[in-house]
Amino acid sequence: MPTKEEVFEKVRGALVEALGVDEDEVTPQATLVGDLGAESIDFLDILFRLQKAFNIKIPDKELLPQDILTNPEYVVDGRVTEVGIAELRKRMPFADLDNFAANPNVQDFANLLTVAGMCRFVESKLVAAG
């Protein structure tokens, strides 16, 4: 099992390669979309690189459960409902959803995922893989 620092270094390397950003831009608090400029197509490349770097399997809907954002059970008038927030918390335990929950605009969802959250996600996959 790699250390937290080793996980961060590999995640940073994957993000630098996939997004063409400088290493110093990839800080734990940087958001993948807002700060590092990731677009939806980039997430497939990022997932591929993380799977290769850590020898793990990552279903794409597991990292960003976009299906929640298009489900009328979870979204009303462009805002994620309390039920939707609960489902996001269940499916994204690695993400800090507190600020988003305070103002849950669907358009702001993309800025939820930070580098630190990505590291926590990878760590949870490594633990699950045993």
C-alpha atoms as a PDB file:
ATOM      1  CA  MET A   1       0.000   0.000   0.000  1.00  0.00           C
ATOM      2  CA  PRO A   2       1.578   3.303  -1.040  1.00  0.00           C
ATOM      3  CA  THR A   3       1.859   6.180   1.425  1.00  0.00           C
ATOM      4  CA  LYS A   4      -0.359   9.262   1.108  1.00  0.00           C
ATOM      5  CA  GLU A   5       2.640  11.144  -0.342  1.00  0.00           C
ATOM      6  CA  GLU A   6       3.238   8.404  -2.936  1.00  0.00           C
ATOM      7  CA  VAL A   7      -0.449   8.477  -3.899  1.00  0.00           C
ATOM      8  CA  PHE A   8      -0.307  12.273  -4.251  1.00  0.00           C
ATOM      9  CA  GLU A   9       2.835  12.104  -6.417  1.00  0.00           C
ATOM     10  CA  LYS A  10       1.281   9.545  -8.784  1.00  0.00           C
ATOM     11  CA  VAL A  11      -2.015  11.439  -8.954  1.00  0.00           C
ATOM     12  CA  ARG A  12      -0.118  14.664  -9.631  1.00  0.00           C
ATOM     13  CA  GLY A  13       1.880  12.934 -12.377  1.00  0.00           C
ATOM     14  CA  ALA A  14      -1.306  11.638 -14.011  1.00  0.00           C
ATOM     15  CA  LEU A  15      -2.896  15.097 -13.890  1.00  0.00           C
ATOM     16  CA  VAL A  16       0.204  16.835 -15.269  1.00  0.00           C
ATOM     17  CA  GLU A  17       0.321  14.384 -18.187  1.00  0.00           C
ATOM     18  CA  ALA A  18      -3.427  14.363 -18.895  1.00  0.00           C
ATOM     19  CA  LEU A  19      -4.041  18.098 -18.514  1.00  0.00           C
ATOM     20  CA  GLY A  20      -0.717  19.571 -19.594  1.00  0.00           C
ATOM     21  CA  VAL A  21      -0.402  21.648 -16.416  1.00  0.00           C
ATOM     22  CA  ASP A  22       2.721  22.410 -14.402  1.00  0.00           C
ATOM     23  CA  GLU A  23       3.459  20.291 -11.325  1.00  0.00           C
ATOM     24  CA  ASP A  24       3.288  23.336  -9.049  1.00  0.00           C
ATOM     25  CA  GLU A  25      -0.321  23.960 -10.155  1.00  0.00           C
ATOM     26  CA  VAL A  26      -1.385  20.539  -8.870  1.00  0.00           C
ATOM     27  CA  THR A  27      -1.893  21.288  -5.186  1.00  0.00           C
ATOM     28  CA  PRO A  28      -4.197  19.309  -2.855  1.00  0.00           C
ATOM     29  CA  GLN A  29      -6.803  22.096  -2.827  1.00  0.00           C
ATOM     30  CA  ALA A  30      -6.788  22.689  -6.611  1.00  0.00           C
ATOM     31  CA  THR A  31     -10.058  21.795  -8.334  1.00  0.00           C
ATOM     32  CA  LEU A  32      -9.719  19.634 -11.412  1.00  0.00           C
ATOM     33  CA  VAL A  33     -12.133  21.683 -13.510  1.00  0.00           C
ATOM     34  CA  GLY A  34     -11.865  25.248 -12.181  1.00  0.00           C
ATOM     35  CA  ASP A  35      -8.163  25.390 -11.368  1.00  0.00           C
ATOM     36  CA  LEU A  36      -6.624  22.785 -13.661  1.00  0.00           C
ATOM     37  CA  GLY A  37      -8.975  23.187 -16.621  1.00  0.00           C
ATOM     38  CA  ALA A  38     -10.145  19.565 -16.899  1.00  0.00           C
ATOM     39  CA  GLU A  39     -13.008  18.970 -19.319  1.00  0.00           C
ATOM     40  CA  SER A  40     -15.284  15.950 -19.414  1.00  0.00           C
ATOM     41  CA  ILE A  41     -13.174  14.190 -22.059  1.00  0.00           C
ATOM     42  CA  ASP A  42     -10.077  14.668 -19.873  1.00  0.00           C
ATOM     43  CA  PHE A  43     -11.585  12.541 -17.116  1.00  0.00           C
ATOM     44  CA  LEU A  44     -11.374   9.425 -19.294  1.00  0.00           C
ATOM     45  CA  ASP A  45      -7.657  10.079 -19.805  1.00  0.00           C
ATOM     46  CA  ILE A  46      -7.164  10.784 -16.097  1.00  0.00           C
ATOM     47  CA  LEU A  47      -8.980   7.567 -15.124  1.00  0.00           C
ATOM     48  CA  PHE A  48      -6.910   5.566 -17.625  1.00  0.00           C
ATOM     49  CA  ARG A  49      -3.672   7.002 -16.235  1.00  0.00           C
ATOM     50  CA  LEU A  50      -4.716   6.371 -12.611  1.00  0.00           C
ATOM     51  CA  GLN A  51      -5.735   2.795 -13.382  1.00  0.00           C
ATOM     52  CA  LYS A  52      -2.361   2.207 -15.006  1.00  0.00           C
ATOM     53  CA  ALA A  53      -0.345   3.965 -12.274  1.00  0.00           C
ATOM     54  CA  PHE A  54      -2.032   2.114  -9.413  1.00  0.00           C
ATOM     55  CA  ASN A  55      -3.094  -1.111 -11.156  1.00  0.00           C
ATOM     56  CA  ILE A  56      -6.744  -0.616 -10.139  1.00  0.00           C
ATOM     57  CA  LYS A  57     -10.073  -0.593 -11.961  1.00  0.00           C
ATOM     58  CA  ILE A  58     -12.154   2.602 -11.850  1.00  0.00           C
ATOM     59  CA  PRO A  59     -15.606   2.655 -13.466  1.00  0.00           C
ATOM     60  CA  ASP A  60     -16.047   6.191 -14.873  1.00  0.00           C
ATOM     61  CA  LYS A  61     -19.411   6.768 -13.170  1.00  0.00           C
ATOM     62  CA  GLU A  62     -17.826   5.989  -9.817  1.00  0.00           C
ATOM     63  CA  LEU A  63     -15.617   9.070  -9.782  1.00  0.00           C
ATOM     64  CA  LEU A  64     -18.226  11.531 -11.062  1.00  0.00           C
ATOM     65  CA  PRO A  65     -21.770  10.154 -10.823  1.00  0.00           C
ATOM     66  CA  GLN A  66     -23.213  12.420 -13.522  1.00  0.00           C
ATOM     67  CA  ASP A  67     -26.380  10.309 -13.654  1.00  0.00           C
ATOM     68  CA  ILE A  68     -27.468  11.920 -10.388  1.00  0.00           C
ATOM     69  CA  LEU A  69     -27.310  15.356 -11.989  1.00  0.00           C
ATOM     70  CA  THR A  70     -29.683  14.382 -14.782  1.00  0.00           C
ATOM     71  CA  ASN A  71     -32.208  12.545 -12.617  1.00  0.00           C
ATOM     72  CA  PRO A  72     -35.390  14.536 -11.784  1.00  0.00           C
ATOM     73  CA  GLU A  73     -35.568  12.617  -8.513  1.00  0.00           C
ATOM     74  CA  TYR A  74     -32.357  14.354  -7.433  1.00  0.00           C
ATOM     75  CA  VAL A  75     -32.471  17.698  -9.277  1.00  0.00           C
ATOM     76  CA  VAL A  76     -35.223  20.320  -9.281  1.00  0.00           C
ATOM     77  CA  ASP A  77     -34.881  23.705 -10.997  1.00  0.00           C
ATOM     78  CA  GLY A  78     -31.144  23.286 -11.518  1.00  0.00           C
ATOM     79  CA  ARG A  79     -30.468  22.508  -7.865  1.00  0.00           C
ATOM     80  CA  VAL A  80     -29.596  19.179  -6.291  1.00  0.00           C
ATOM     81  CA  THR A  81     -32.224  18.195  -3.712  1.00  0.00           C
ATOM     82  CA  GLU A  82     -31.478  16.958  -0.195  1.00  0.00           C
ATOM     83  CA  VAL A  83     -32.111  13.417  -1.430  1.00  0.00           C
ATOM     84  CA  GLY A  84     -29.644  14.068  -4.250  1.00  0.00           C
ATOM     85  CA  ILE A  85     -27.038  15.416  -1.815  1.00  0.00           C
ATOM     86  CA  ALA A  86     -27.482  12.293   0.322  1.00  0.00           C
ATOM     87  CA  GLU A  87     -26.960  10.110  -2.772  1.00  0.00           C
ATOM     88  CA  LEU A  88     -23.845  12.115  -3.727  1.00  0.00           C
ATOM     89  CA  ARG A  89     -22.467  11.688  -0.191  1.00  0.00           C
ATOM     90  CA  LYS A  90     -23.068   7.948  -0.439  1.00  0.00           C
ATOM     91  CA  ARG A  91     -21.467   7.599  -3.871  1.00  0.00           C
ATOM     92  CA  MET A  92     -18.687  10.180  -3.383  1.00  0.00           C
ATOM     93  CA  PRO A  93     -17.441   9.705   0.202  1.00  0.00           C
ATOM     94  CA  PHE A  94     -14.038  11.020  -0.914  1.00  0.00           C
ATOM     95  CA  ALA A  95     -15.429  14.450  -1.900  1.00  0.00           C
ATOM     96  CA  ASP A  96     -16.014  17.343   0.489  1.00  0.00           C
ATOM     97  CA  LEU A  97     -19.649  18.130  -0.249  1.00  0.00           C
ATOM     98  CA  ASP A  98     -20.347  20.568   2.602  1.00  0.00           C
ATOM     99  CA  ASN A  99     -19.881  23.786   0.616  1.00  0.00           C
ATOM    100  CA  PHE A 100     -21.756  22.391  -2.368  1.00  0.00           C
ATOM    101  CA  ALA A 101     -24.629  21.260  -0.119  1.00  0.00           C
ATOM    102  CA  ALA A 102     -25.015  24.834   1.137  1.00  0.00           C
ATOM    103  CA  ASN A 103     -25.647  26.060  -2.434  1.00  0.00           C
ATOM    104  CA  PRO A 104     -26.218  22.960  -4.609  1.00  0.00           C
ATOM    105  CA  ASN A 105     -26.356  24.433  -8.121  1.00  0.00           C
ATOM    106  CA  VAL A 106     -25.844  21.685 -10.685  1.00  0.00           C
ATOM    107  CA  GLN A 107     -23.563  23.979 -12.710  1.00  0.00           C
ATOM    108  CA  ASP A 108     -21.182  24.184  -9.724  1.00  0.00           C
ATOM    109  CA  PHE A 109     -20.882  20.406  -9.358  1.00  0.00           C
ATOM    110  CA  ALA A 110     -17.866  20.162 -11.647  1.00  0.00           C
ATOM    111  CA  ASN A 111     -15.788  22.192  -9.186  1.00  0.00           C
ATOM    112  CA  LEU A 112     -16.311  19.686  -6.391  1.00  0.00           C
ATOM    113  CA  LEU A 113     -13.461  17.403  -7.246  1.00  0.00           C
ATOM    114  CA  THR A 114     -10.144  18.543  -5.847  1.00  0.00           C
ATOM    115  CA  VAL A 115      -6.736  16.916  -6.123  1.00  0.00           C
ATOM    116  CA  ALA A 116      -7.023  15.908  -2.438  1.00  0.00           C
ATOM    117  CA  GLY A 117     -10.416  14.334  -3.159  1.00  0.00           C
ATOM    118  CA  MET A 118      -8.929  12.461  -6.105  1.00  0.00           C
ATOM    119  CA  CYS A 119      -6.186  11.150  -3.800  1.00  0.00           C
ATOM    120  CA  ARG A 120      -8.773  10.010  -1.233  1.00  0.00           C
ATOM    121  CA  PHE A 121     -10.688   8.293  -4.036  1.00  0.00           C
ATOM    122  CA  VAL A 122      -7.563   6.407  -5.184  1.00  0.00           C
ATOM    123  CA  GLU A 123      -6.721   5.474  -1.587  1.00  0.00           C
ATOM    124  CA  SER A 124     -10.223   4.034  -1.115  1.00  0.00           C
ATOM    125  CA  LYS A 125      -9.836   1.996  -4.318  1.00  0.00           C
ATOM    126  CA  LEU A 126      -6.457   0.686  -3.129  1.00  0.00           C
ATOM    127  CA  VAL A 127      -7.900  -0.346   0.231  1.00  0.00           C
ATOM    128  CA  ALA A 128     -10.839  -2.065  -1.498  1.00  0.00           C
ATOM    129  CA  ALA A 129      -8.434  -3.890  -3.833  1.00  0.00           C
ATOM    130  CA  GLY A 130      -6.683  -5.218  -0.757  1.00  0.00           C
END
